[in-house]
């Protein structure tokens, strides 16, 4: 359960930070 929840949170964080991360890489 914890692993699944952790993965979901990671995915949400990645999606939420998708733009900021791309801007930072630019």
PDB file of N, CA and C in Angstrom:
ATOM      1  N   UNK A   1       0.848  -1.210   0.000  1.00  0.00           N
ATOM      2  CA  UNK A   1       0.000   0.000   0.000  1.00  0.00           C
ATOM      3  C   UNK A   1       0.878   1.252   0.000  1.00  0.00           C
ATOM      4  N   UNK A   2       1.840   1.278   0.908  1.00  0.00           N
ATOM      5  CA  UNK A   2       2.700   2.466   1.010  1.00  0.00           C
ATOM      6  C   UNK A   2       3.401   2.742  -0.321  1.00  0.00           C
ATOM      7  N   UNK A   3       3.871   1.665  -0.947  1.00  0.00           N
ATOM      8  CA  UNK A   3       4.592   1.845  -2.212  1.00  0.00           C
ATOM      9  C   UNK A   3       3.675   2.467  -3.261  1.00  0.00           C
ATOM     10  N   UNK A   4       2.464   1.941  -3.377  1.00  0.00           N
ATOM     11  CA  UNK A   4       1.513   2.470  -4.366  1.00  0.00           C
ATOM     12  C   UNK A   4       1.239   3.946  -4.083  1.00  0.00           C
ATOM     13  N   UNK A   5       0.993   4.260  -2.821  1.00  0.00           N
ATOM     14  CA  UNK A   5       0.702   5.651  -2.451  1.00  0.00           C
ATOM     15  C   UNK A   5       1.909   6.526  -2.785  1.00  0.00           C
ATOM     16  N   UNK A   6       3.077   6.038  -2.468  1.00  0.00           N
ATOM     17  CA  UNK A   6       4.307   6.810  -2.728  1.00  0.00           C
ATOM     18  C   UNK A   6       4.434   7.064  -4.230  1.00  0.00           C
ATOM     19  N   UNK A   7       4.188   6.052  -5.030  1.00  0.00           N
ATOM     20  CA  UNK A   7       4.290   6.208  -6.484  1.00  0.00           C
ATOM     21  C   UNK A   7       3.280   7.243  -6.964  1.00  0.00           C
ATOM     22  N   UNK A   8       2.065   7.191  -6.431  1.00  0.00           N
ATOM     23  CA  UNK A   8       1.032   8.153  -6.835  1.00  0.00           C
ATOM     24  C   UNK A   8       1.485   9.565  -6.499  1.00  0.00           C
ATOM     25  N   UNK A   9       2.013   9.740  -5.290  1.00  0.00           N
ATOM     26  CA  UNK A   9       2.477  11.072  -4.868  1.00  0.00           C
ATOM     27  C   UNK A   9       3.612  11.527  -5.779  1.00  0.00           C
ATOM     28  N   UNK A  10       4.524  10.623  -6.074  1.00  0.00           N
ATOM     29  CA  UNK A  10       5.653  10.967  -6.952  1.00  0.00           C
ATOM     30  C   UNK A  10       5.131  11.395  -8.321  1.00  0.00           C
ATOM     31  N   UNK A  11       4.176  10.649  -8.849  1.00  0.00           N
ATOM     32  CA  UNK A  11       3.623  10.988 -10.163  1.00  0.00           C
ATOM     33  C   UNK A  11       2.958  12.356 -10.110  1.00  0.00           C
ATOM     34  N   UNK A  12       2.177  12.600  -9.052  1.00  0.00           N
ATOM     35  CA  UNK A  12       1.496  13.892  -8.912  1.00  0.00           C
ATOM     36  C   UNK A  12       2.527  15.010  -8.834  1.00  0.00           C
ATOM     37  N   UNK A  13       3.567  14.787  -8.045  1.00  0.00           N
ATOM     38  CA  UNK A  13       4.612  15.822  -7.889  1.00  0.00           C
ATOM     39  C   UNK A  13       5.291  16.071  -9.236  1.00  0.00           C
ATOM     40  N   UNK A  14       5.588  15.005  -9.940  1.00  0.00           N
ATOM     41  CA  UNK A  14       6.254  15.138 -11.244  1.00  0.00           C
ATOM     42  C   UNK A  14       5.345  15.897 -12.214  1.00  0.00           C
ATOM     43  N   UNK A  15       4.071  15.525 -12.260  1.00  0.00           N
ATOM     44  CA  UNK A  15       3.135  16.209 -13.158  1.00  0.00           C
ATOM     45  C   UNK A  15       2.992  17.671 -12.759  1.00  0.00           C
ATOM     46  N   UNK A  16       2.881  17.916 -11.449  1.00  0.00           N
ATOM     47  CA  UNK A  16       2.702  19.286 -10.957  1.00  0.00           C
ATOM     48  C   UNK A  16       3.941  20.119 -11.251  1.00  0.00           C
ATOM     49  N   UNK A  17       5.110  19.483 -11.164  1.00  0.00           N
ATOM     50  CA  UNK A  17       6.367  20.215 -11.383  1.00  0.00           C
ATOM     51  C   UNK A  17       6.886  20.034 -12.809  1.00  0.00           C
ATOM     52  N   UNK A  18       6.074  19.445 -13.659  1.00  0.00           N
ATOM     53  CA  UNK A  18       6.517  19.185 -15.031  1.00  0.00           C
ATOM     54  C   UNK A  18       7.008  20.471 -15.702  1.00  0.00           C
ATOM     55  N   UNK A  19       6.200  21.517 -15.656  1.00  0.00           N
ATOM     56  CA  UNK A  19       6.584  22.775 -16.305  1.00  0.00           C
ATOM     57  C   UNK A  19       7.817  23.387 -15.650  1.00  0.00           C
ATOM     58  N   UNK A  20       7.818  23.567 -14.340  1.00  0.00           N
ATOM     59  CA  UNK A  20       8.987  24.140 -13.662  1.00  0.00           C
ATOM     60  C   UNK A  20      10.265  23.364 -13.985  1.00  0.00           C
ATOM     61  N   UNK A  21      10.173  22.044 -14.022  1.00  0.00           N
ATOM     62  CA  UNK A  21      11.356  21.229 -14.313  1.00  0.00           C
ATOM     63  C   UNK A  21      11.841  21.512 -15.737  1.00  0.00           C
ATOM     64  N   UNK A  22      10.933  21.559 -16.680  1.00  0.00           N
ATOM     65  CA  UNK A  22      11.317  21.818 -18.074  1.00  0.00           C
ATOM     66  C   UNK A  22      11.941  23.206 -18.184  1.00  0.00           C
ATOM     67  N   UNK A  23      11.354  24.179 -17.504  1.00  0.00           N
ATOM     68  CA  UNK A  23      11.894  25.545 -17.562  1.00  0.00           C
ATOM     69  C   UNK A  23      13.295  25.570 -16.973  1.00  0.00           C
ATOM     70  N   UNK A  24      13.481  24.814 -15.889  1.00  0.00           N
ATOM     71  CA  UNK A  24      14.798  24.789 -15.226  1.00  0.00           C
ATOM     72  C   UNK A  24      15.836  24.160 -16.157  1.00  0.00           C
ATOM     73  N   UNK A  25      15.446  23.110 -16.872  1.00  0.00           N
ATOM     74  CA  UNK A  25      16.388  22.430 -17.773  1.00  0.00           C
ATOM     75  C   UNK A  25      16.762  23.330 -18.947  1.00  0.00           C
ATOM     76  N   UNK A  26      15.835  24.177 -19.379  1.00  0.00           N
ATOM     77  CA  UNK A  26      16.099  25.045 -20.545  1.00  0.00           C
ATOM     78  C   UNK A  26      17.362  25.853 -20.320  1.00  0.00           C
TER      79      UNK A  26
END
